[in-house]
N, C-alpha and C. Protein backbone atom coordinates (compact mmCIF):
# COMPACT_ATOMS: atom_id res chain seq x y z
N MET A 1 -12.97 -12.43 -7.75
CA MET A 1 -12.34 -11.14 -7.87
C MET A 1 -12.83 -10.23 -6.75
N TYR A 2 -11.90 -9.44 -6.22
CA TYR A 2 -12.20 -8.55 -5.13
C TYR A 2 -12.27 -7.10 -5.63
N LYS A 3 -13.00 -6.31 -4.90
CA LYS A 3 -13.08 -4.88 -5.19
C LYS A 3 -11.99 -4.18 -4.37
N LEU A 4 -11.34 -3.20 -4.97
CA LEU A 4 -10.30 -2.45 -4.27
C LEU A 4 -10.87 -1.12 -3.80
N ASP A 5 -10.70 -0.83 -2.52
CA ASP A 5 -11.13 0.44 -1.93
C ASP A 5 -9.88 1.13 -1.39
N VAL A 6 -9.45 2.19 -2.03
CA VAL A 6 -8.27 2.94 -1.60
C VAL A 6 -8.75 4.09 -0.72
N SER A 7 -8.32 4.08 0.53
CA SER A 7 -8.75 5.12 1.47
C SER A 7 -8.23 6.49 1.04
N ASP A 8 -8.88 7.52 1.55
CA ASP A 8 -8.43 8.89 1.27
C ASP A 8 -6.99 9.09 1.74
N LYS A 9 -6.66 8.54 2.91
CA LYS A 9 -5.29 8.69 3.43
C LYS A 9 -4.29 8.00 2.52
N ALA A 10 -4.63 6.82 2.01
CA ALA A 10 -3.72 6.12 1.10
C ALA A 10 -3.54 6.91 -0.19
N GLU A 11 -4.62 7.50 -0.70
CA GLU A 11 -4.50 8.32 -1.91
C GLU A 11 -3.62 9.54 -1.65
N GLN A 12 -3.78 10.16 -0.49
CA GLN A 12 -2.95 11.31 -0.13
C GLN A 12 -1.49 10.89 0.02
N ASP A 13 -1.26 9.76 0.70
CA ASP A 13 0.11 9.25 0.86
C ASP A 13 0.75 9.02 -0.50
N LEU A 14 0.02 8.35 -1.39
CA LEU A 14 0.56 8.03 -2.71
C LEU A 14 0.88 9.30 -3.49
N SER A 15 0.00 10.26 -3.43
CA SER A 15 0.23 11.52 -4.13
C SER A 15 1.49 12.22 -3.61
N ARG A 16 1.64 12.24 -2.28
CA ARG A 16 2.82 12.87 -1.68
C ARG A 16 4.11 12.14 -2.07
N ILE A 17 4.05 10.81 -2.08
CA ILE A 17 5.24 10.03 -2.43
C ILE A 17 5.65 10.31 -3.88
N ILE A 18 4.69 10.27 -4.78
CA ILE A 18 5.00 10.50 -6.19
C ILE A 18 5.53 11.92 -6.39
N GLU A 19 4.92 12.89 -5.73
CA GLU A 19 5.39 14.27 -5.82
C GLU A 19 6.82 14.40 -5.28
N TYR A 20 7.08 13.74 -4.16
CA TYR A 20 8.41 13.78 -3.55
C TYR A 20 9.45 13.21 -4.51
N ILE A 21 9.17 12.05 -5.06
CA ILE A 21 10.13 11.42 -5.97
C ILE A 21 10.33 12.28 -7.21
N ALA A 22 9.24 12.77 -7.78
CA ALA A 22 9.33 13.52 -9.03
C ALA A 22 9.98 14.89 -8.84
N GLN A 23 9.61 15.59 -7.76
CA GLN A 23 10.07 16.97 -7.61
C GLN A 23 11.27 17.11 -6.68
N LYS A 24 11.17 16.60 -5.49
CA LYS A 24 12.27 16.77 -4.52
C LYS A 24 13.51 15.97 -4.94
N LEU A 25 13.28 14.77 -5.44
CA LEU A 25 14.42 13.96 -5.89
C LEU A 25 14.74 14.20 -7.36
N ALA A 26 13.91 15.00 -8.02
CA ALA A 26 14.09 15.32 -9.45
C ALA A 26 14.23 14.05 -10.28
N ALA A 27 13.31 13.11 -10.03
CA ALA A 27 13.35 11.82 -10.72
C ALA A 27 11.96 11.46 -11.25
N PRO A 28 11.48 12.18 -12.26
CA PRO A 28 10.13 11.90 -12.75
C PRO A 28 9.96 10.49 -13.32
N ILE A 29 10.99 9.94 -13.90
CA ILE A 29 10.88 8.56 -14.43
C ILE A 29 10.73 7.58 -13.28
N ALA A 30 11.49 7.79 -12.20
CA ALA A 30 11.36 6.92 -11.02
C ALA A 30 9.97 7.07 -10.41
N ALA A 31 9.43 8.27 -10.41
CA ALA A 31 8.07 8.49 -9.88
C ALA A 31 7.06 7.74 -10.72
N SER A 32 7.23 7.79 -12.03
CA SER A 32 6.32 7.07 -12.93
C SER A 32 6.45 5.56 -12.74
N ASP A 33 7.68 5.08 -12.58
CA ASP A 33 7.91 3.65 -12.34
C ASP A 33 7.26 3.21 -11.03
N PHE A 34 7.36 4.06 -10.01
CA PHE A 34 6.73 3.73 -8.73
C PHE A 34 5.21 3.65 -8.89
N ALA A 35 4.64 4.64 -9.57
CA ALA A 35 3.18 4.63 -9.79
C ALA A 35 2.77 3.37 -10.54
N ASP A 36 3.53 2.98 -11.55
CA ASP A 36 3.23 1.74 -12.28
C ASP A 36 3.29 0.53 -11.36
N ALA A 37 4.29 0.49 -10.48
CA ALA A 37 4.41 -0.63 -9.54
C ALA A 37 3.23 -0.68 -8.58
N VAL A 38 2.75 0.48 -8.16
CA VAL A 38 1.58 0.53 -7.27
C VAL A 38 0.35 -0.03 -8.00
N PHE A 39 0.15 0.39 -9.24
CA PHE A 39 -1.02 -0.10 -9.97
C PHE A 39 -0.91 -1.59 -10.30
N ASP A 40 0.30 -2.09 -10.49
CA ASP A 40 0.49 -3.54 -10.65
C ASP A 40 0.12 -4.25 -9.35
N CYS A 41 0.51 -3.67 -8.23
CA CYS A 41 0.15 -4.24 -6.93
C CYS A 41 -1.36 -4.26 -6.75
N TYR A 42 -2.01 -3.15 -7.11
CA TYR A 42 -3.48 -3.10 -7.03
C TYR A 42 -4.11 -4.21 -7.86
N ASP A 43 -3.58 -4.45 -9.06
CA ASP A 43 -4.11 -5.53 -9.91
C ASP A 43 -3.94 -6.89 -9.23
N ASN A 44 -2.79 -7.09 -8.59
CA ASN A 44 -2.56 -8.35 -7.87
C ASN A 44 -3.54 -8.51 -6.73
N LEU A 45 -3.82 -7.42 -6.02
CA LEU A 45 -4.74 -7.48 -4.89
C LEU A 45 -6.17 -7.78 -5.34
N ASP A 46 -6.56 -7.25 -6.49
CA ASP A 46 -7.89 -7.54 -7.03
C ASP A 46 -8.09 -9.04 -7.25
N ASN A 47 -7.04 -9.68 -7.71
CA ASN A 47 -7.13 -11.10 -8.07
C ASN A 47 -6.76 -12.04 -6.94
N ASN A 48 -5.83 -11.64 -6.09
CA ASN A 48 -5.37 -12.51 -5.02
C ASN A 48 -4.93 -11.67 -3.83
N PRO A 49 -5.85 -11.27 -2.98
CA PRO A 49 -5.52 -10.35 -1.89
C PRO A 49 -4.60 -10.95 -0.82
N TYR A 50 -4.41 -12.26 -0.84
CA TYR A 50 -3.58 -12.91 0.17
C TYR A 50 -2.17 -13.18 -0.34
N ILE A 51 -1.83 -12.59 -1.49
CA ILE A 51 -0.52 -12.81 -2.10
C ILE A 51 0.61 -12.22 -1.25
N PHE A 52 0.32 -11.17 -0.51
CA PHE A 52 1.34 -10.52 0.32
C PHE A 52 1.19 -10.94 1.77
N GLU A 53 2.28 -10.79 2.53
CA GLU A 53 2.32 -11.30 3.90
C GLU A 53 1.49 -10.48 4.88
N GLN A 54 1.16 -11.14 5.99
CA GLN A 54 0.51 -10.44 7.09
C GLN A 54 1.54 -9.54 7.75
N CYS A 55 1.07 -8.45 8.37
CA CYS A 55 1.99 -7.58 9.10
C CYS A 55 2.66 -8.40 10.20
N ARG A 56 3.92 -8.14 10.42
CA ARG A 56 4.69 -8.90 11.40
C ARG A 56 4.39 -8.47 12.83
N ASP A 57 3.94 -7.24 13.02
CA ASP A 57 3.57 -6.77 14.34
C ASP A 57 2.36 -7.57 14.84
N ALA A 58 2.43 -8.06 16.06
CA ALA A 58 1.38 -8.94 16.60
C ALA A 58 0.01 -8.26 16.62
N LYS A 59 -0.03 -7.00 17.03
CA LYS A 59 -1.31 -6.28 17.11
C LYS A 59 -1.92 -6.11 15.72
N LEU A 60 -1.12 -5.64 14.77
CA LEU A 60 -1.64 -5.45 13.41
C LEU A 60 -2.02 -6.78 12.77
N ASN A 61 -1.22 -7.79 13.04
CA ASN A 61 -1.51 -9.12 12.50
C ASN A 61 -2.85 -9.62 13.02
N LYS A 62 -3.06 -9.46 14.31
CA LYS A 62 -4.32 -9.90 14.94
C LYS A 62 -5.52 -9.16 14.36
N GLU A 63 -5.30 -7.88 13.98
CA GLU A 63 -6.38 -7.07 13.41
C GLU A 63 -6.56 -7.32 11.91
N GLY A 64 -5.74 -8.21 11.35
CA GLY A 64 -5.93 -8.62 9.96
C GLY A 64 -5.21 -7.77 8.92
N TYR A 65 -4.29 -6.93 9.36
CA TYR A 65 -3.57 -6.09 8.41
C TYR A 65 -2.50 -6.91 7.68
N ARG A 66 -2.34 -6.59 6.41
CA ARG A 66 -1.33 -7.21 5.56
C ARG A 66 -0.45 -6.11 5.00
N ARG A 67 0.69 -6.48 4.41
CA ARG A 67 1.59 -5.46 3.86
C ARG A 67 2.18 -5.92 2.54
N ALA A 68 2.21 -4.98 1.62
CA ALA A 68 2.83 -5.21 0.32
C ALA A 68 4.01 -4.26 0.22
N VAL A 69 5.18 -4.80 -0.07
CA VAL A 69 6.36 -3.97 -0.24
C VAL A 69 6.45 -3.59 -1.71
N ILE A 70 6.47 -2.29 -1.96
CA ILE A 70 6.53 -1.75 -3.32
C ILE A 70 7.73 -0.82 -3.37
N LYS A 71 8.79 -1.30 -3.98
CA LYS A 71 10.06 -0.57 -4.02
C LYS A 71 10.47 -0.23 -2.59
N ASN A 72 10.62 1.04 -2.22
CA ASN A 72 11.04 1.41 -0.86
C ASN A 72 9.87 1.73 0.06
N TYR A 73 8.68 1.36 -0.34
CA TYR A 73 7.48 1.74 0.42
C TYR A 73 6.65 0.52 0.78
N ILE A 74 5.81 0.70 1.77
CA ILE A 74 4.94 -0.38 2.24
C ILE A 74 3.49 0.09 2.14
N LEU A 75 2.67 -0.74 1.51
CA LEU A 75 1.23 -0.52 1.49
C LEU A 75 0.63 -1.40 2.57
N VAL A 76 -0.07 -0.80 3.51
CA VAL A 76 -0.77 -1.56 4.55
C VAL A 76 -2.22 -1.65 4.13
N TYR A 77 -2.72 -2.89 4.09
CA TYR A 77 -4.09 -3.11 3.63
C TYR A 77 -4.74 -4.22 4.44
N SER A 78 -6.03 -4.37 4.26
CA SER A 78 -6.77 -5.46 4.88
C SER A 78 -7.79 -6.00 3.89
N VAL A 79 -8.33 -7.16 4.21
CA VAL A 79 -9.29 -7.83 3.34
C VAL A 79 -10.58 -8.05 4.11
N ASN A 80 -11.68 -7.63 3.52
CA ASN A 80 -13.00 -7.89 4.10
C ASN A 80 -13.65 -8.98 3.26
N GLU A 81 -13.68 -10.18 3.81
CA GLU A 81 -14.23 -11.32 3.07
C GLU A 81 -15.74 -11.21 2.87
N ASP A 82 -16.44 -10.58 3.81
CA ASP A 82 -17.89 -10.46 3.70
C ASP A 82 -18.29 -9.69 2.44
N THR A 83 -17.54 -8.62 2.15
CA THR A 83 -17.87 -7.78 1.00
C THR A 83 -16.93 -8.01 -0.18
N LYS A 84 -15.97 -8.95 -0.01
CA LYS A 84 -14.96 -9.22 -1.05
C LYS A 84 -14.26 -7.93 -1.46
N THR A 85 -13.82 -7.18 -0.43
CA THR A 85 -13.17 -5.90 -0.65
C THR A 85 -11.78 -5.89 -0.04
N VAL A 86 -10.83 -5.34 -0.77
CA VAL A 86 -9.49 -5.08 -0.26
C VAL A 86 -9.43 -3.59 0.05
N ILE A 87 -9.07 -3.27 1.29
CA ILE A 87 -9.00 -1.87 1.70
C ILE A 87 -7.53 -1.47 1.83
N ALA A 88 -7.09 -0.55 0.96
CA ALA A 88 -5.74 0.00 1.04
C ALA A 88 -5.80 1.14 2.05
N HIS A 89 -5.12 0.96 3.19
CA HIS A 89 -5.22 1.93 4.28
C HIS A 89 -4.21 3.07 4.17
N ARG A 90 -2.93 2.72 4.04
CA ARG A 90 -1.88 3.75 4.05
C ARG A 90 -0.65 3.25 3.30
N PHE A 91 0.15 4.20 2.83
CA PHE A 91 1.48 3.93 2.29
C PHE A 91 2.49 4.54 3.26
N PHE A 92 3.58 3.83 3.49
CA PHE A 92 4.64 4.32 4.37
C PHE A 92 6.00 4.07 3.73
N TYR A 93 6.95 4.94 4.04
CA TYR A 93 8.33 4.69 3.66
C TYR A 93 8.78 3.47 4.44
N GLY A 94 9.56 2.61 3.80
CA GLY A 94 9.95 1.33 4.39
C GLY A 94 10.62 1.41 5.75
N ARG A 95 11.33 2.48 6.02
CA ARG A 95 12.03 2.62 7.31
C ARG A 95 11.20 3.32 8.37
N GLN A 96 10.01 3.74 7.99
CA GLN A 96 9.12 4.41 8.96
C GLN A 96 8.55 3.40 9.92
N ASP A 97 8.27 3.84 11.14
CA ASP A 97 7.60 2.99 12.13
C ASP A 97 6.10 3.04 11.88
N TYR A 98 5.67 2.33 10.83
CA TYR A 98 4.26 2.42 10.43
C TYR A 98 3.32 1.81 11.46
N VAL A 99 3.83 0.92 12.30
CA VAL A 99 2.99 0.28 13.30
C VAL A 99 2.37 1.32 14.22
N SER A 100 3.14 2.32 14.60
CA SER A 100 2.62 3.35 15.52
C SER A 100 1.77 4.39 14.78
N LEU A 101 1.82 4.38 13.45
CA LEU A 101 1.11 5.39 12.67
C LEU A 101 -0.21 4.90 12.05
N ILE A 102 -0.43 3.63 12.09
CA ILE A 102 -1.62 3.07 11.43
C ILE A 102 -2.88 3.35 12.23
């Protein structure tokens, strides 16, 4: 089992996404469903951090970044085998150019 470390930026991203869905889109149920999907993803990462694909960008792939697609969003994370830790770095909207933002 791995330990999950969610970065401050990832927590801020997640908070903004949930707020956007709940308030701007006026869809609190969809926001709650998204939050549930994120926590399901976190559970999967705790047990099997390699379940999701490596980033397709060559630079990010070389640096060990992986990506989990959660509804319309992407969680970019990495795995530290030495400490058995999964680091959740950032959440991005699926159409965003996250490669340049990571």
